[in-house]
């Protein structure tokens, strides 16, 4: 029996690199990133602060500052080449076909406009709706993201909501026009654990309901284990491991992924010192020779110090950039 072909990826990125021009010289922040997100799929982009996750997201959205040079073989939103679009067309696509949820809701929301006006503006600007129709849509969206009494609270201002409620409002704005791609950049930062879980459950439910592709950017592996379909782990501007979430998180093939997992607090280790990855991430302008992770890696051998490993297929349909990935896998299995 012949099966229908898989639908094309909502987001397809090939060879994405981002370099910032500074007074001290060029700063390469992202290097040769490949990334796909399918319709209805949630992909988590993981890594420590400074690994290049947010820069990658903003490059996809066309939101990097003026001193950034973005190059890629391909950055496509379904059949649209995002790299070749004029700024005017790219602005039209942002918010309608792809949206970004920022990590700091209080800064992202306008403090002098009610949340109803801010959500309604999307419908007025992109769809030419009347103020009354836009307000009705805003009420529906607030209800969809779990804001109690939305008809009453539509006239409230951002400071009148809790941190978790403000984050829900940002998500309501991001999904207002039913985008094909939603990028959530650390959406649970500064929220308590219970609210974090609620926000992630909301994102998970919305992508299933709307069949929307979601790219979730985070440094916290604990927040993605229940919702991610696939993960991509970044280090020093490159993706070092990617694949099915259960496979990568359950049996990592890269020492950096393994170290990140060891850093997650566990109830069964209560009373023991929390593991910390030794050293610090490298400065982008002074990457070590070979594998950038080798100065912090317990698995490093001479080849790691001299030759940069390229991503290659390993078990479970994954790709890993590590000279010793087979040994790392065997050690985890043992």
C-alpha atoms as a PDB file:
ATOM      1  CA  UNK A   1       0.000   0.000   0.000  1.00  0.00           C
ATOM      2  CA  UNK A   2       1.394   3.386  -0.992  1.00  0.00           C
ATOM      3  CA  UNK A   3       1.324   6.009   1.771  1.00  0.00           C
ATOM      4  CA  UNK A   4       0.823   9.688   0.988  1.00  0.00           C
ATOM      5  CA  UNK A   5       4.028  11.756   1.191  1.00  0.00           C
ATOM      6  CA  UNK A   6       4.719  13.735   4.352  1.00  0.00           C
ATOM      7  CA  UNK A   7       3.585  17.358   4.149  1.00  0.00           C
ATOM      8  CA  UNK A   8       6.368  19.892   3.551  1.00  0.00           C
ATOM      9  CA  UNK A   9       7.959  21.418   6.631  1.00  0.00           C
ATOM     10  CA  UNK A  10       6.383  24.640   7.823  1.00  0.00           C
ATOM     11  CA  UNK A  11       9.874  25.971   8.588  1.00  0.00           C
ATOM     12  CA  UNK A  12      12.959  24.806   6.705  1.00  0.00           C
ATOM     13  CA  UNK A  13      16.366  26.281   7.582  1.00  0.00           C
ATOM     14  CA  UNK A  14      19.612  25.259   5.908  1.00  0.00           C
ATOM     15  CA  UNK A  15      23.084  26.594   6.639  1.00  0.00           C
ATOM     16  CA  UNK A  16      21.957  29.608   8.671  1.00  0.00           C
ATOM     17  CA  UNK A  17      24.799  31.795   9.966  1.00  0.00           C
ATOM     18  CA  UNK A  18      24.607  35.132  11.779  1.00  0.00           C
ATOM     19  CA  UNK A  19      27.594  37.426  12.355  1.00  0.00           C
ATOM     20  CA  UNK A  20      27.498  40.751  14.223  1.00  0.00           C
ATOM     21  CA  UNK A  21      29.696  43.677  13.209  1.00  0.00           C
ATOM     22  CA  UNK A  22      31.230  45.317  16.276  1.00  0.00           C
ATOM     23  CA  UNK A  23      34.015  47.782  17.014  1.00  0.00           C
ATOM     24  CA  UNK A  24      36.158  44.872  18.113  1.00  0.00           C
ATOM     25  CA  UNK A  25      35.570  43.005  14.857  1.00  0.00           C
ATOM     26  CA  UNK A  26      33.064  40.430  13.580  1.00  0.00           C
ATOM     27  CA  UNK A  27      31.316  38.226  16.151  1.00  0.00           C
ATOM     28  CA  UNK A  28      30.005  34.940  14.706  1.00  0.00           C
ATOM     29  CA  UNK A  29      26.981  34.065  16.859  1.00  0.00           C
ATOM     30  CA  UNK A  30      25.334  31.309  14.781  1.00  0.00           C
ATOM     31  CA  UNK A  31      27.080  28.937  12.395  1.00  0.00           C
ATOM     32  CA  UNK A  32      25.615  26.594   9.768  1.00  0.00           C
ATOM     33  CA  UNK A  33      22.340  25.790  11.534  1.00  0.00           C
ATOM     34  CA  UNK A  34      19.917  23.332   9.917  1.00  0.00           C
ATOM     35  CA  UNK A  35      16.418  23.158  11.377  1.00  0.00           C
ATOM     36  CA  UNK A  36      12.974  21.869  10.359  1.00  0.00           C
ATOM     37  CA  UNK A  37       9.591  22.234  12.046  1.00  0.00           C
ATOM     38  CA  UNK A  38       6.632  20.338  10.587  1.00  0.00           C
ATOM     39  CA  UNK A  39       2.947  21.331  10.752  1.00  0.00           C
ATOM     40  CA  UNK A  40       1.553  20.567  14.211  1.00  0.00           C
ATOM     41  CA  UNK A  41       5.015  19.744  15.568  1.00  0.00           C
ATOM     42  CA  UNK A  42       6.717  21.242  18.623  1.00  0.00           C
ATOM     43  CA  UNK A  43      10.505  21.402  18.316  1.00  0.00           C
ATOM     44  CA  UNK A  44      12.561  22.549  21.315  1.00  0.00           C
ATOM     45  CA  UNK A  45      15.805  24.438  20.704  1.00  0.00           C
ATOM     46  CA  UNK A  46      17.937  23.852  23.804  1.00  0.00           C
ATOM     47  CA  UNK A  47      21.187  25.189  25.180  1.00  0.00           C
ATOM     48  CA  UNK A  48      22.829  27.435  27.744  1.00  0.00           C
ATOM     49  CA  UNK A  49      22.481  31.210  27.600  1.00  0.00           C
ATOM     50  CA  UNK A  50      24.665  32.571  24.809  1.00  0.00           C
ATOM     51  CA  UNK A  51      24.503  29.437  22.669  1.00  0.00           C
ATOM     52  CA  UNK A  52      22.760  31.245  19.792  1.00  0.00           C
ATOM     53  CA  UNK A  53      19.152  30.135  20.286  1.00  0.00           C
ATOM     54  CA  UNK A  54      17.479  33.559  20.323  1.00  0.00           C
ATOM     55  CA  UNK A  55      19.714  34.880  17.539  1.00  0.00           C
ATOM     56  CA  UNK A  56      18.585  31.942  15.396  1.00  0.00           C
ATOM     57  CA  UNK A  57      14.915  32.709  16.079  1.00  0.00           C
ATOM     58  CA  UNK A  58      15.273  36.398  15.303  1.00  0.00           C
ATOM     59  CA  UNK A  59      17.147  35.638  12.090  1.00  0.00           C
ATOM     60  CA  UNK A  60      14.226  33.466  10.953  1.00  0.00           C
ATOM     61  CA  UNK A  61      11.806  36.287  11.794  1.00  0.00           C
ATOM     62  CA  UNK A  62      14.020  38.958  10.174  1.00  0.00           C
ATOM     63  CA  UNK A  63      14.333  40.790  13.501  1.00  0.00           C
ATOM     64  CA  UNK A  64      18.098  40.906  14.013  1.00  0.00           C
ATOM     65  CA  UNK A  65      19.615  44.386  14.512  1.00  0.00           C
ATOM     66  CA  UNK A  66      21.208  46.367  11.724  1.00  0.00           C
ATOM     67  CA  UNK A  67      24.748  45.239  12.569  1.00  0.00           C
ATOM     68  CA  UNK A  68      23.854  41.585  11.888  1.00  0.00           C
ATOM     69  CA  UNK A  69      24.780  39.808   8.664  1.00  0.00           C
ATOM     70  CA  UNK A  70      22.540  36.804   7.984  1.00  0.00           C
ATOM     71  CA  UNK A  71      23.456  34.193   5.394  1.00  0.00           C
ATOM     72  CA  UNK A  72      21.834  30.848   4.621  1.00  0.00           C
ATOM     73  CA  UNK A  73      21.315  28.341   1.883  1.00  0.00           C
ATOM     74  CA  UNK A  74      17.601  28.382   2.626  1.00  0.00           C
ATOM     75  CA  UNK A  75      15.102  29.851   5.091  1.00  0.00           C
ATOM     76  CA  UNK A  76      11.590  28.993   3.974  1.00  0.00           C
ATOM     77  CA  UNK A  77       8.139  29.294   5.492  1.00  0.00           C
ATOM     78  CA  UNK A  78       6.401  26.589   3.478  1.00  0.00           C
ATOM     79  CA  UNK A  79       6.730  27.893  -0.099  1.00  0.00           C
ATOM     80  CA  UNK A  80       7.951  31.393   0.845  1.00  0.00           C
ATOM     81  CA  UNK A  81      11.661  32.253   0.715  1.00  0.00           C
ATOM     82  CA  UNK A  82      12.046  34.532   3.743  1.00  0.00           C
ATOM     83  CA  UNK A  83      15.577  35.642   2.842  1.00  0.00           C
ATOM     84  CA  UNK A  84      14.531  37.173  -0.481  1.00  0.00           C
ATOM     85  CA  UNK A  85      11.481  39.077   0.801  1.00  0.00           C
ATOM     86  CA  UNK A  86      11.570  42.893   0.902  1.00  0.00           C
ATOM     87  CA  UNK A  87      11.146  44.363   4.379  1.00  0.00           C
ATOM     88  CA  UNK A  88       7.560  45.464   3.666  1.00  0.00           C
ATOM     89  CA  UNK A  89       6.445  41.943   2.706  1.00  0.00           C
ATOM     90  CA  UNK A  90       8.336  40.405   5.622  1.00  0.00           C
ATOM     91  CA  UNK A  91       6.569  42.750   8.052  1.00  0.00           C
ATOM     92  CA  UNK A  92       3.233  41.678   6.576  1.00  0.00           C
ATOM     93  CA  UNK A  93       4.087  38.010   7.155  1.00  0.00           C
ATOM     94  CA  UNK A  94       5.158  38.599  10.754  1.00  0.00           C
ATOM     95  CA  UNK A  95       2.089  38.317  12.933  1.00  0.00           C
ATOM     96  CA  UNK A  96      -0.028  36.797  10.182  1.00  0.00           C
ATOM     97  CA  UNK A  97       1.910  33.704   9.051  1.00  0.00           C
ATOM     98  CA  UNK A  98       4.626  33.587  11.733  1.00  0.00           C
ATOM     99  CA  UNK A  99       4.693  35.030  15.243  1.00  0.00           C
ATOM    100  CA  UNK A 100       7.153  35.427  18.099  1.00  0.00           C
ATOM    101  CA  UNK A 101       6.357  35.185  21.816  1.00  0.00           C
ATOM    102  CA  UNK A 102       8.949  37.146  23.798  1.00  0.00           C
ATOM    103  CA  UNK A 103      10.219  36.084  27.217  1.00  0.00           C
ATOM    104  CA  UNK A 104       9.501  39.386  29.018  1.00  0.00           C
ATOM    105  CA  UNK A 105       5.787  40.052  28.714  1.00  0.00           C
ATOM    106  CA  UNK A 106       5.866  43.290  30.704  1.00  0.00           C
ATOM    107  CA  UNK A 107       8.410  44.810  28.298  1.00  0.00           C
ATOM    108  CA  UNK A 108       6.732  43.419  25.183  1.00  0.00           C
ATOM    109  CA  UNK A 109       3.280  44.805  26.014  1.00  0.00           C
ATOM    110  CA  UNK A 110       2.502  48.514  25.674  1.00  0.00           C
ATOM    111  CA  UNK A 111       1.819  49.834  29.216  1.00  0.00           C
ATOM    112  CA  UNK A 112      -0.462  52.689  28.079  1.00  0.00           C
ATOM    113  CA  UNK A 113      -2.834  50.625  25.919  1.00  0.00           C
ATOM    114  CA  UNK A 114      -5.425  48.160  27.197  1.00  0.00           C
ATOM    115  CA  UNK A 115      -4.854  44.532  26.263  1.00  0.00           C
ATOM    116  CA  UNK A 116      -8.027  44.658  24.169  1.00  0.00           C
ATOM    117  CA  UNK A 117      -6.637  47.513  22.068  1.00  0.00           C
ATOM    118  CA  UNK A 118      -3.311  45.740  21.622  1.00  0.00           C
ATOM    119  CA  UNK A 119      -4.888  42.475  20.479  1.00  0.00           C
ATOM    120  CA  UNK A 120      -7.544  44.250  18.426  1.00  0.00           C
ATOM    121  CA  UNK A 121      -4.904  46.253  16.553  1.00  0.00           C
ATOM    122  CA  UNK A 122      -3.764  43.043  14.869  1.00  0.00           C
ATOM    123  CA  UNK A 123      -7.209  42.512  13.349  1.00  0.00           C
ATOM    124  CA  UNK A 124      -7.587  46.155  12.365  1.00  0.00           C
ATOM    125  CA  UNK A 125      -4.152  46.383  10.722  1.00  0.00           C
ATOM    126  CA  UNK A 126      -3.969  42.983   9.030  1.00  0.00           C
ATOM    127  CA  UNK A 127      -7.643  42.384   8.250  1.00  0.00           C
ATOM    128  CA  UNK A 128      -9.156  45.841   8.204  1.00  0.00           C
ATOM    129  CA  UNK A 129     -11.801  44.958  10.778  1.00  0.00           C
ATOM    130  CA  UNK A 130     -13.887  47.509  12.651  1.00  0.00           C
ATOM    131  CA  UNK A 131     -13.023  48.324  16.247  1.00  0.00           C
ATOM    132  CA  UNK A 132     -16.105  46.446  17.470  1.00  0.00           C
ATOM    133  CA  UNK A 133     -15.294  43.285  15.481  1.00  0.00           C
ATOM    134  CA  UNK A 134     -11.663  43.429  16.571  1.00  0.00           C
ATOM    135  CA  UNK A 135     -12.718  43.759  20.211  1.00  0.00           C
ATOM    136  CA  UNK A 136     -14.996  40.703  19.904  1.00  0.00           C
ATOM    137  CA  UNK A 137     -12.075  38.695  18.493  1.00  0.00           C
ATOM    138  CA  UNK A 138      -9.881  39.886  21.359  1.00  0.00           C
ATOM    139  CA  UNK A 139     -12.413  38.658  23.934  1.00  0.00           C
ATOM    140  CA  UNK A 140     -12.542  35.245  22.221  1.00  0.00           C
ATOM    141  CA  UNK A 141      -8.736  35.012  22.217  1.00  0.00           C
ATOM    142  CA  UNK A 142      -8.431  35.877  25.900  1.00  0.00           C
ATOM    143  CA  UNK A 143     -10.929  33.132  26.653  1.00  0.00           C
ATOM    144  CA  UNK A 144      -8.992  30.701  24.450  1.00  0.00           C
ATOM    145  CA  UNK A 145      -5.769  31.244  26.403  1.00  0.00           C
ATOM    146  CA  UNK A 146      -7.504  30.906  29.767  1.00  0.00           C
ATOM    147  CA  UNK A 147      -7.949  34.487  30.985  1.00  0.00           C
ATOM    148  CA  UNK A 148     -10.913  34.483  33.435  1.00  0.00           C
ATOM    149  CA  UNK A 149     -13.838  36.843  32.713  1.00  0.00           C
ATOM    150  CA  UNK A 150     -12.343  38.005  29.381  1.00  0.00           C
ATOM    151  CA  UNK A 151     -15.201  40.366  28.505  1.00  0.00           C
ATOM    152  CA  UNK A 152     -14.634  42.249  31.751  1.00  0.00           C
ATOM    153  CA  UNK A 153     -10.844  42.262  31.615  1.00  0.00           C
ATOM    154  CA  UNK A 154     -10.515  43.303  27.962  1.00  0.00           C
ATOM    155  CA  UNK A 155     -10.189  46.935  29.051  1.00  0.00           C
ATOM    156  CA  UNK A 156      -7.500  46.302  31.664  1.00  0.00           C
ATOM    157  CA  UNK A 157      -3.858  47.302  31.258  1.00  0.00           C
ATOM    158  CA  UNK A 158      -0.798  44.995  31.389  1.00  0.00           C
ATOM    159  CA  UNK A 159       0.195  46.003  34.945  1.00  0.00           C
ATOM    160  CA  UNK A 160      -3.200  44.787  36.186  1.00  0.00           C
ATOM    161  CA  UNK A 161      -2.365  41.182  35.290  1.00  0.00           C
ATOM    162  CA  UNK A 162      -0.015  38.679  36.927  1.00  0.00           C
ATOM    163  CA  UNK A 163       3.149  37.525  35.168  1.00  0.00           C
ATOM    164  CA  UNK A 164       1.520  34.287  34.037  1.00  0.00           C
ATOM    165  CA  UNK A 165      -1.567  36.107  32.747  1.00  0.00           C
ATOM    166  CA  UNK A 166       0.586  38.589  30.818  1.00  0.00           C
ATOM    167  CA  UNK A 167       2.390  35.680  29.184  1.00  0.00           C
ATOM    168  CA  UNK A 168      -0.987  34.252  28.153  1.00  0.00           C
ATOM    169  CA  UNK A 169      -1.894  37.627  26.642  1.00  0.00           C
ATOM    170  CA  UNK A 170       1.319  37.575  24.584  1.00  0.00           C
ATOM    171  CA  UNK A 171       0.415  34.103  23.350  1.00  0.00           C
ATOM    172  CA  UNK A 172      -3.098  35.330  22.487  1.00  0.00           C
ATOM    173  CA  UNK A 173      -1.562  38.092  20.370  1.00  0.00           C
ATOM    174  CA  UNK A 174       0.811  35.622  18.723  1.00  0.00           C
ATOM    175  CA  UNK A 175      -1.961  33.224  17.654  1.00  0.00           C
ATOM    176  CA  UNK A 176      -4.535  35.915  16.831  1.00  0.00           C
ATOM    177  CA  UNK A 177      -4.207  35.549  13.054  1.00  0.00           C
ATOM    178  CA  UNK A 178      -3.679  31.777  13.143  1.00  0.00           C
ATOM    179  CA  UNK A 179       0.005  31.742  12.083  1.00  0.00           C
ATOM    180  CA  UNK A 180       1.590  28.704  10.503  1.00  0.00           C
ATOM    181  CA  UNK A 181       4.682  29.088  12.722  1.00  0.00           C
ATOM    182  CA  UNK A 182       4.920  30.209  16.350  1.00  0.00           C
ATOM    183  CA  UNK A 183       8.340  30.846  17.898  1.00  0.00           C
ATOM    184  CA  UNK A 184       8.276  30.999  21.702  1.00  0.00           C
ATOM    185  CA  UNK A 185      11.520  32.480  23.074  1.00  0.00           C
ATOM    186  CA  UNK A 186      11.937  31.415  26.722  1.00  0.00           C
ATOM    187  CA  UNK A 187       8.199  31.956  27.389  1.00  0.00           C
ATOM    188  CA  UNK A 188       8.399  30.639  30.964  1.00  0.00           C
ATOM    189  CA  UNK A 189      11.315  32.787  32.197  1.00  0.00           C
ATOM    190  CA  UNK A 190      10.746  34.306  35.666  1.00  0.00           C
ATOM    191  CA  UNK A 191       7.516  32.329  36.185  1.00  0.00           C
ATOM    192  CA  UNK A 192       7.048  29.898  39.062  1.00  0.00           C
ATOM    193  CA  UNK A 193       7.040  26.178  38.338  1.00  0.00           C
ATOM    194  CA  UNK A 194       3.255  25.776  38.405  1.00  0.00           C
ATOM    195  CA  UNK A 195       2.705  28.657  35.974  1.00  0.00           C
ATOM    196  CA  UNK A 196       5.508  27.349  33.732  1.00  0.00           C
ATOM    197  CA  UNK A 197       3.651  24.060  33.408  1.00  0.00           C
ATOM    198  CA  UNK A 198       0.407  25.872  32.608  1.00  0.00           C
ATOM    199  CA  UNK A 199       2.027  27.966  29.857  1.00  0.00           C
ATOM    200  CA  UNK A 200       3.633  24.893  28.275  1.00  0.00           C
ATOM    201  CA  UNK A 201       0.346  22.981  28.417  1.00  0.00           C
ATOM    202  CA  UNK A 202      -1.322  25.952  26.751  1.00  0.00           C
ATOM    203  CA  UNK A 203       1.238  26.026  23.924  1.00  0.00           C
ATOM    204  CA  UNK A 204       0.945  22.268  23.507  1.00  0.00           C
ATOM    205  CA  UNK A 205      -2.847  22.408  23.328  1.00  0.00           C
ATOM    206  CA  UNK A 206      -2.897  25.342  20.895  1.00  0.00           C
ATOM    207  CA  UNK A 207      -0.479  23.768  18.432  1.00  0.00           C
ATOM    208  CA  UNK A 208      -2.601  20.612  18.382  1.00  0.00           C
ATOM    209  CA  UNK A 209      -5.849  22.570  18.043  1.00  0.00           C
ATOM    210  CA  UNK A 210      -4.528  24.898  15.319  1.00  0.00           C
ATOM    211  CA  UNK A 211      -2.112  22.377  13.700  1.00  0.00           C
ATOM    212  CA  UNK A 212       0.557  25.026  14.122  1.00  0.00           C
ATOM    213  CA  UNK A 213       4.322  24.504  13.979  1.00  0.00           C
ATOM    214  CA  UNK A 214       5.981  25.612  17.240  1.00  0.00           C
ATOM    215  CA  UNK A 215       9.669  26.316  17.852  1.00  0.00           C
ATOM    216  CA  UNK A 216      10.212  26.506  21.620  1.00  0.00           C
ATOM    217  CA  UNK A 217      13.494  28.120  22.718  1.00  0.00           C
ATOM    218  CA  UNK A 218      14.656  27.293  26.225  1.00  0.00           C
ATOM    219  CA  UNK A 219      17.685  26.446  28.366  1.00  0.00           C
ATOM    220  CA  UNK A 220      15.603  24.254  30.689  1.00  0.00           C
ATOM    221  CA  UNK A 221      15.328  20.609  29.661  1.00  0.00           C
ATOM    222  CA  UNK A 222      12.825  19.975  32.415  1.00  0.00           C
ATOM    223  CA  UNK A 223      10.185  22.138  30.742  1.00  0.00           C
ATOM    224  CA  UNK A 224      10.231  20.347  27.372  1.00  0.00           C
ATOM    225  CA  UNK A 225      10.254  16.661  28.258  1.00  0.00           C
ATOM    226  CA  UNK A 226       6.447  16.448  28.266  1.00  0.00           C
ATOM    227  CA  UNK A 227       5.602  18.566  25.204  1.00  0.00           C
ATOM    228  CA  UNK A 228       8.413  18.420  22.621  1.00  0.00           C
ATOM    229  CA  UNK A 229       8.258  16.067  19.638  1.00  0.00           C
ATOM    230  CA  UNK A 230      11.855  16.738  18.654  1.00  0.00           C
ATOM    231  CA  UNK A 231      14.768  18.632  20.170  1.00  0.00           C
ATOM    232  CA  UNK A 232      17.819  20.403  18.758  1.00  0.00           C
ATOM    233  CA  UNK A 233      20.676  21.087  21.187  1.00  0.00           C
ATOM    234  CA  UNK A 234      22.853  24.154  20.492  1.00  0.00           C
ATOM    235  CA  UNK A 235      26.354  24.870  21.725  1.00  0.00           C
ATOM    236  CA  UNK A 236      28.616  27.755  20.651  1.00  0.00           C
ATOM    237  CA  UNK A 237      26.302  28.717  17.810  1.00  0.00           C
ATOM    238  CA  UNK A 238      25.952  25.234  16.302  1.00  0.00           C
ATOM    239  CA  UNK A 239      23.462  22.402  16.669  1.00  0.00           C
ATOM    240  CA  UNK A 240      25.387  19.502  18.210  1.00  0.00           C
ATOM    241  CA  UNK A 241      22.542  16.977  18.571  1.00  0.00           C
ATOM    242  CA  UNK A 242      19.037  16.716  17.148  1.00  0.00           C
ATOM    243  CA  UNK A 243      16.331  14.103  16.910  1.00  0.00           C
ATOM    244  CA  UNK A 244      13.259  12.617  18.541  1.00  0.00           C
ATOM    245  CA  UNK A 245      12.738  14.109  21.996  1.00  0.00           C
ATOM    246  CA  UNK A 246      12.323  10.802  23.820  1.00  0.00           C
ATOM    247  CA  UNK A 247      15.452   9.374  22.209  1.00  0.00           C
ATOM    248  CA  UNK A 248      17.667  12.406  22.797  1.00  0.00           C
ATOM    249  CA  UNK A 249      16.511  13.079  26.347  1.00  0.00           C
ATOM    250  CA  UNK A 250      16.386   9.401  27.291  1.00  0.00           C
ATOM    251  CA  UNK A 251      19.690   8.373  25.735  1.00  0.00           C
ATOM    252  CA  UNK A 252      21.872  11.334  24.702  1.00  0.00           C
ATOM    253  CA  UNK A 253      24.625  10.767  22.152  1.00  0.00           C
ATOM    254  CA  UNK A 254      26.539  14.004  22.754  1.00  0.00           C
ATOM    255  CA  UNK A 255      28.432  14.736  26.001  1.00  0.00           C
ATOM    256  CA  UNK A 256      26.963  18.251  26.126  1.00  0.00           C
ATOM    257  CA  UNK A 257      23.390  16.927  25.999  1.00  0.00           C
ATOM    258  CA  UNK A 258      24.375  14.395  28.654  1.00  0.00           C
ATOM    259  CA  UNK A 259      25.795  17.182  30.847  1.00  0.00           C
ATOM    260  CA  UNK A 260      22.670  19.329  30.445  1.00  0.00           C
ATOM    261  CA  UNK A 261      20.520  16.408  31.560  1.00  0.00           C
ATOM    262  CA  UNK A 262      22.731  15.817  34.602  1.00  0.00           C
ATOM    263  CA  UNK A 263      22.200  19.474  35.557  1.00  0.00           C
ATOM    264  CA  UNK A 264      18.423  19.050  35.904  1.00  0.00           C
ATOM    265  CA  UNK A 265      17.371  18.764  39.583  1.00  0.00           C
ATOM    266  CA  UNK A 266      15.953  15.325  40.480  1.00  0.00           C
ATOM    267  CA  UNK A 267      13.822  14.336  43.456  1.00  0.00           C
ATOM    268  CA  UNK A 268      15.703  11.044  43.917  1.00  0.00           C
ATOM    269  CA  UNK A 269      18.950  12.995  44.442  1.00  0.00           C
ATOM    270  CA  UNK A 270      17.561  15.161  47.229  1.00  0.00           C
ATOM    271  CA  UNK A 271      20.324  16.278  49.582  1.00  0.00           C
ATOM    272  CA  UNK A 272      23.120  15.753  47.046  1.00  0.00           C
ATOM    273  CA  UNK A 273      25.037  18.558  45.353  1.00  0.00           C
ATOM    274  CA  UNK A 274      23.528  19.610  42.030  1.00  0.00           C
ATOM    275  CA  UNK A 275      25.781  18.819  39.073  1.00  0.00           C
ATOM    276  CA  UNK A 276      27.198  21.818  37.189  1.00  0.00           C
ATOM    277  CA  UNK A 277      28.959  21.684  33.830  1.00  0.00           C
ATOM    278  CA  UNK A 278      32.584  22.711  34.472  1.00  0.00           C
ATOM    279  CA  UNK A 279      33.899  25.899  32.902  1.00  0.00           C
ATOM    280  CA  UNK A 280      31.935  28.360  30.780  1.00  0.00           C
ATOM    281  CA  UNK A 281      30.713  28.493  27.170  1.00  0.00           C
ATOM    282  CA  UNK A 282      33.403  29.868  24.836  1.00  0.00           C
ATOM    283  CA  UNK A 283      33.481  33.460  23.633  1.00  0.00           C
ATOM    284  CA  UNK A 284      32.242  33.456  19.985  1.00  0.00           C
ATOM    285  CA  UNK A 285      35.334  35.325  18.790  1.00  0.00           C
ATOM    286  CA  UNK A 286      37.711  32.870  20.479  1.00  0.00           C
ATOM    287  CA  UNK A 287      36.357  29.407  19.835  1.00  0.00           C
ATOM    288  CA  UNK A 288      38.841  26.641  20.645  1.00  0.00           C
ATOM    289  CA  UNK A 289      40.199  24.487  17.849  1.00  0.00           C
ATOM    290  CA  UNK A 290      38.359  21.263  17.123  1.00  0.00           C
ATOM    291  CA  UNK A 291      35.125  20.631  19.006  1.00  0.00           C
ATOM    292  CA  UNK A 292      34.102  23.828  20.877  1.00  0.00           C
ATOM    293  CA  UNK A 293      32.941  21.729  23.838  1.00  0.00           C
ATOM    294  CA  UNK A 294      36.203  19.823  24.340  1.00  0.00           C
ATOM    295  CA  UNK A 295      37.630  22.086  27.134  1.00  0.00           C
ATOM    296  CA  UNK A 296      34.586  21.195  29.286  1.00  0.00           C
ATOM    297  CA  UNK A 297      34.166  17.591  28.131  1.00  0.00           C
ATOM    298  CA  UNK A 298      35.176  14.502  30.113  1.00  0.00           C
ATOM    299  CA  UNK A 299      35.099  12.455  26.882  1.00  0.00           C
ATOM    300  CA  UNK A 300      37.623  14.603  24.987  1.00  0.00           C
ATOM    301  CA  UNK A 301      40.513  12.930  23.159  1.00  0.00           C
ATOM    302  CA  UNK A 302      43.175  14.334  20.822  1.00  0.00           C
ATOM    303  CA  UNK A 303      40.849  14.293  17.807  1.00  0.00           C
ATOM    304  CA  UNK A 304      38.378  16.483  19.702  1.00  0.00           C
ATOM    305  CA  UNK A 305      41.065  19.115  20.228  1.00  0.00           C
ATOM    306  CA  UNK A 306      42.133  19.280  16.590  1.00  0.00           C
ATOM    307  CA  UNK A 307      39.171  18.380  14.338  1.00  0.00           C
ATOM    308  CA  UNK A 308      35.697  19.856  14.493  1.00  0.00           C
ATOM    309  CA  UNK A 309      33.126  17.027  14.297  1.00  0.00           C
ATOM    310  CA  UNK A 310      30.370  17.404  11.714  1.00  0.00           C
ATOM    311  CA  UNK A 311      26.800  16.205  12.400  1.00  0.00           C
ATOM    312  CA  UNK A 312      26.324  12.597  11.369  1.00  0.00           C
ATOM    313  CA  UNK A 313      23.529  10.037  11.754  1.00  0.00           C
ATOM    314  CA  UNK A 314      23.517   7.888  14.887  1.00  0.00           C
ATOM    315  CA  UNK A 315      20.953   5.601  16.511  1.00  0.00           C
ATOM    316  CA  UNK A 316      17.211   6.361  16.450  1.00  0.00           C
ATOM    317  CA  UNK A 317      17.406   8.568  13.365  1.00  0.00           C
ATOM    318  CA  UNK A 318      19.360  11.290  15.157  1.00  0.00           C
ATOM    319  CA  UNK A 319      22.266  13.468  14.109  1.00  0.00           C
ATOM    320  CA  UNK A 320      25.140  14.218  16.493  1.00  0.00           C
ATOM    321  CA  UNK A 321      28.343  16.225  16.101  1.00  0.00           C
ATOM    322  CA  UNK A 322      30.697  14.191  18.297  1.00  0.00           C
ATOM    323  CA  UNK A 323      33.719  12.024  17.534  1.00  0.00           C
ATOM    324  CA  UNK A 324      32.752   9.609  20.328  1.00  0.00           C
ATOM    325  CA  UNK A 325      28.967   9.521  20.002  1.00  0.00           C
ATOM    326  CA  UNK A 326      28.870   5.703  19.725  1.00  0.00           C
ATOM    327  CA  UNK A 327      30.807   5.347  22.985  1.00  0.00           C
ATOM    328  CA  UNK A 328      28.608   7.930  24.709  1.00  0.00           C
ATOM    329  CA  UNK A 329      25.507   5.997  23.610  1.00  0.00           C
ATOM    330  CA  UNK A 330      26.963   2.686  24.794  1.00  0.00           C
ATOM    331  CA  UNK A 331      27.843   4.193  28.171  1.00  0.00           C
ATOM    332  CA  UNK A 332      24.299   5.526  28.640  1.00  0.00           C
ATOM    333  CA  UNK A 333      22.817   2.180  27.630  1.00  0.00           C
ATOM    334  CA  UNK A 334      25.087   0.396  30.061  1.00  0.00           C
END
